[in-house]
Protein backbone atom coordinates (compact mmCIF):
# COMPACT_ATOMS: atom_id res chain seq x y z
CA MET A 1 -163.41 79.12 302.64
CA GLU A 2 -166.82 81.59 301.42
CA GLY A 3 -168.56 80.14 297.57
CA VAL A 4 -166.56 77.16 297.95
CA ARG A 5 -168.60 74.09 298.90
CA LYS A 6 -167.11 70.77 298.97
CA THR A 7 -168.16 67.18 298.41
CA GLU A 8 -166.64 65.48 298.73
CA PRO A 9 -162.38 65.38 300.30
CA GLY A 10 -160.38 66.82 297.44
CA LYS A 11 -159.32 69.94 295.49
CA THR A 12 -161.88 72.19 293.96
CA GLU A 13 -162.12 74.43 290.93
CA PRO A 14 -161.60 78.31 292.66
CA GLY A 15 -164.57 80.11 293.16
CA LYS A 16 -166.54 77.67 291.43
CA GLY A 17 -167.54 75.08 294.49
CA GLN A 18 -167.21 72.28 292.12
CA PRO A 19 -164.73 68.98 292.65
CA ALA A 20 -162.17 69.60 289.78
CA ARG A 21 -162.59 68.14 286.66
CA ALA A 22 -159.37 65.04 287.35
CA GLU A 23 -161.86 64.56 290.78
CA LEU A 24 -165.19 63.87 288.91
CA VAL A 25 -163.28 62.01 286.14
CA GLU A 26 -162.24 59.48 288.92
CA ALA A 27 -165.60 59.80 291.25
CA ALA A 28 -166.77 58.15 286.98
CA ARG A 29 -164.36 55.93 286.87
CA ALA A 30 -165.08 54.23 290.45
CA ALA A 31 -169.02 54.29 289.49
CA LEU A 32 -168.17 52.32 286.19
CA ARG A 33 -165.75 49.59 288.57
CA ARG A 34 -168.40 49.39 290.78
CA LEU A 35 -171.06 48.88 287.89
CA THR A 36 -169.13 46.09 286.41
CA THR A 37 -168.98 44.01 289.62
CA GLU A 38 -172.65 44.70 289.92
CA ILE A 39 -173.22 43.51 286.15
CA ASP A 40 -170.98 40.43 287.45
CA GLY A 41 -173.25 39.35 290.49
CA LEU A 42 -176.84 40.41 287.75
CA ASP A 43 -175.14 37.98 285.02
CA GLY A 44 -174.56 35.07 288.12
CA ARG A 45 -178.06 35.49 289.22
CA ALA A 46 -179.38 35.63 285.47
CA ALA A 47 -178.25 31.94 285.00
CA GLU A 48 -179.17 30.60 288.06
CA HIS A 49 -182.32 32.29 286.87
CA PHE A 50 -182.19 30.71 283.43
CA GLY A 51 -181.18 26.87 284.66
CA VAL A 52 -177.56 27.63 282.35
CA ASN A 53 -173.81 28.19 283.62
CA ARG A 54 -172.76 31.37 282.44
CA THR A 55 -170.96 30.56 279.55
CA ASP A 56 -174.66 29.47 278.38
CA LEU A 57 -176.03 32.58 279.50
CA HIS A 58 -173.47 34.94 277.47
CA CYS A 59 -173.91 32.63 274.61
CA VAL A 60 -177.82 33.18 274.56
CA ASP A 61 -177.22 36.92 275.22
CA VAL A 62 -175.89 37.07 271.91
CA ILE A 63 -177.99 34.61 270.30
CA SER A 64 -181.48 36.89 271.33
CA SER A 65 -179.51 40.43 270.86
CA ARG A 66 -177.82 40.05 267.81
CA GLY A 67 -180.64 37.94 265.79
CA PRO A 68 -180.35 34.13 264.46
CA LEU A 69 -176.74 33.40 264.08
CA THR A 70 -174.59 30.76 262.49
CA ALA A 71 -172.32 28.61 265.58
CA SER A 72 -169.27 30.29 264.02
CA GLN A 73 -170.66 34.03 264.01
CA LEU A 74 -171.83 33.13 267.60
CA SER A 75 -167.90 31.19 268.22
CA ALA A 76 -167.19 34.76 267.22
CA SER A 77 -169.01 36.29 269.09
CA THR A 78 -168.37 34.66 271.92
CA SER A 79 -164.85 33.27 271.88
CA LEU A 80 -165.97 29.91 271.93
CA SER A 81 -163.84 27.33 270.33
CA SER A 82 -166.31 25.34 267.64
CA GLY A 83 -166.25 22.34 269.67
CA GLY A 84 -167.10 24.59 273.66
CA THR A 85 -170.10 26.50 271.33
CA THR A 86 -171.28 23.13 270.59
CA ILE A 87 -171.64 21.49 273.97
CA ALA A 88 -173.22 25.05 275.05
CA LEU A 89 -175.87 24.78 271.79
CA ASP A 90 -176.49 21.77 272.43
CA ARG A 91 -176.69 22.51 276.40
CA LEU A 92 -178.93 25.17 275.69
CA GLU A 93 -181.45 23.08 273.01
CA ARG A 94 -182.16 20.98 275.72
CA ALA A 95 -182.65 23.51 278.38
CA GLY A 96 -185.63 25.10 275.51
CA LEU A 97 -183.35 28.13 275.48
CA VAL A 98 -182.09 28.12 271.52
CA ARG A 99 -183.04 25.75 268.74
CA ARG A 100 -181.20 25.59 265.20
CA ARG A 101 -182.69 25.36 261.68
CA PRO A 102 -181.42 24.97 258.32
CA ASN A 103 -179.75 28.46 257.12
CA PRO A 104 -181.28 29.82 253.84
CA VAL A 105 -178.78 31.05 252.36
CA ASP A 106 -176.44 28.25 252.86
CA ARG A 107 -177.43 24.80 253.20
CA ARG A 108 -174.20 23.60 254.82
CA SER A 109 -174.81 25.11 258.01
CA VAL A 110 -177.59 26.07 260.70
CA LEU A 111 -178.68 28.82 262.36
CA VAL A 112 -179.51 29.58 266.18
CA GLU A 113 -182.73 31.64 267.54
CA ALA A 114 -183.42 32.36 270.52
CA THR A 115 -186.77 30.41 271.88
CA ASP A 116 -189.94 32.21 273.01
CA GLU A 117 -188.81 30.34 276.40
CA ALA A 118 -185.43 32.23 275.96
CA ARG A 119 -187.63 35.25 275.45
CA ARG A 120 -190.38 35.40 278.94
CA LEU A 121 -187.38 34.05 281.27
CA GLY A 122 -185.10 37.07 280.05
CA ARG A 123 -188.32 38.71 280.15
CA LEU A 124 -189.59 38.07 283.66
CA PHE A 125 -186.06 38.84 284.91
CA PHE A 126 -184.32 41.54 282.99
CA GLY A 127 -187.99 43.36 282.64
CA PRO A 128 -188.09 44.96 285.65
CA LEU A 129 -184.32 46.21 285.57
CA ALA A 130 -185.01 47.45 282.26
CA GLY A 131 -187.90 49.71 284.00
CA HIS A 132 -185.70 51.32 286.65
CA GLU A 133 -183.02 51.86 284.02
CA ARG A 134 -185.90 53.71 281.81
CA GLU A 135 -187.08 55.75 284.36
CA LEU A 136 -183.57 56.70 284.98
CA LEU A 137 -183.11 58.07 281.56
CA GLU A 138 -186.16 59.14 281.17
CA ARG A 139 -184.54 61.73 284.11
CA CYS A 140 -181.95 63.19 281.97
CA SER A 141 -181.98 65.80 278.99
CA GLN A 142 -181.78 65.21 275.24
CA GLY A 143 -177.68 67.04 275.65
CA GLU A 144 -176.80 64.52 278.73
CA LEU A 145 -178.51 61.39 277.17
CA ARG A 146 -176.11 61.73 273.51
CA ALA A 147 -173.46 62.14 275.84
CA ILE A 148 -174.57 58.88 277.68
CA ALA A 149 -175.23 57.14 274.47
CA GLY A 150 -172.40 58.38 272.96
CA PHE A 151 -169.27 57.65 276.46
CA LEU A 152 -171.33 54.08 276.15
CA ASP A 153 -170.69 53.25 272.65
CA GLY A 154 -166.84 54.65 273.06
CA LEU A 155 -166.49 52.24 275.72
CA THR A 156 -167.62 49.09 274.53
CA ARG A 157 -165.39 49.60 270.79
CA ALA A 158 -162.50 49.59 273.39
CA ILE A 159 -163.88 46.72 275.11
CA ALA A 160 -164.38 44.48 272.21
CA GLU A 161 -161.17 45.36 270.78
CA HIS A 162 -159.32 45.00 274.00
CA ARG A 163 -156.97 42.49 274.02
CA PRO A 164 -153.69 40.97 276.74
CA PRO A 165 -150.26 42.79 276.00
CA ARG A 166 -148.36 40.55 274.30
CA SER A 167 -145.62 39.55 276.45
């Protein structure tokens, strides 16, 4: 058909030469699936770089991104039991990646914060990737950036709230 360009096998919108909306939605979903698989692999490589297991790396990430937290706040954010959180924090403290300090608001608890070493290792490992990410985003228009941010925020909320179905 003249004027209709098919980039992939499948349906096109009549006269527009573009894949149908449903096909684009499925292509985006497939890209997200590939992205999550790559992020999973990245997490494994990052844990190796930090010299910790993946659960401990997740704790460092939460602490680094959300600022000083109490152990119970960390437990809630990571879905670890209080005992599991204590064990992870003990390992991370021995590795020099977190430190505990008194909580100025509640003397019964401590705050856990990332160390300079954790931040240094993070910059070393993730810095080049962050630069590439920024480069890709700089190519987008303001409208595209708003759409990307809105989509990612919505998906992040959906993932955070997702629980397995009750049987």
